Amino acid sequence: MPPRLLYTHTGILCNRDAQLSHFMASPQYKQLLSLCAACTKDQHMKHIRTSISGYFQFVTFSHRWGEDEPLLRDIEHHPIYALSSEAGVGKLQAFCLHACERDYLWAWSDTCCIDKDSSAELQEAIGSMFAWYRRSALTIVHLSDVPDNGSFGKSEWFRRGWTLQELLAPRTVLFYTQNWSVYKNLGSSNHKTDVAVLEELEKVTGIESCFLSAFSPCVDDARSKLQWASKRCTTRPEDIAYSLFGIFNLHLPVLYGESAENALGRLLAEIVSQSGDISILDW
């Protein structure tokens, strides 16, 4: 799990100690103690896993970064619901409220849940991000440039580098439009199982629906994956390589300040080393 999560009921950012404190004060913890007191030792671990995995389900946020996104220092020790609802803070508040309305206690956003002043934490986050999106109970995608009655084909979200893994990694995704309506008011609880949405996604991204609905990170079919990313861009040039580490299930050093060519060169060299496929070099 991510080391920091937003508690959706209060909007307070919690580290792991605070997360555990919430759990130990919860009805779910009391119920767990009662269950463990009445069962055999062999059943203890089953009850513990079930209780903890249920309580700590979390929702991840995917969006196009805009101006004035709240960072860790902006919300640390402050309930986000008490902050001014302008720009990025308003978007973060809406995300947490929608997660709360769907009965999730925990939420994670890449804007404020990572200490970007710590190079070690940033390295860990980039290396773990695919797994966090994969393990999330739900990923909420906010398309800030798509009106309620619009189509998402022209959204900038589909042209950004980091959002590729945020599309592929989660098992459950819901798209929201500019004013926080569910895309086309579809009643589906998972747009990755909605045939109409998958058809749109395939047309917009060029990615076959079988990969969109059930993607496995690995170096297989690397040429196709590189082509999916080739029309996307990132604010920092080297991020175009870093944003693909999770898609290929590779763990490489993050060296901000290196050129995009050097970052991509390291990525391609590792893919060739693991797959033995030199045809990727003409992607």
Foldseek 3Di string as FASTA:
>chain_A
DQQWWQFLVQQAIDGPVVVVVVVCPDPLVVVLVVVVVPDDPVCNVVSVVVSVLVQQAEEEEAEDDDPPADAQVNRHVHRLVPDDLDDNSVVVNLVSNVCVVVPHRIYDYPRYSFDPVDLVRVLVCLLCVLVVQQRHPEYEYEQQPADQPGDCLPGLLQAAQLCVSNQQRYQFYWYAYNVGATRVNDPDRGLLPPPVSLVSCCVRQVDHSVRRNHNDAALPPVLVVVVSLVRHQYPQLLVNLSSCCRSHVHRDGDDPPDHNVVSVVVSLVVSCVVPVDPVSVVD
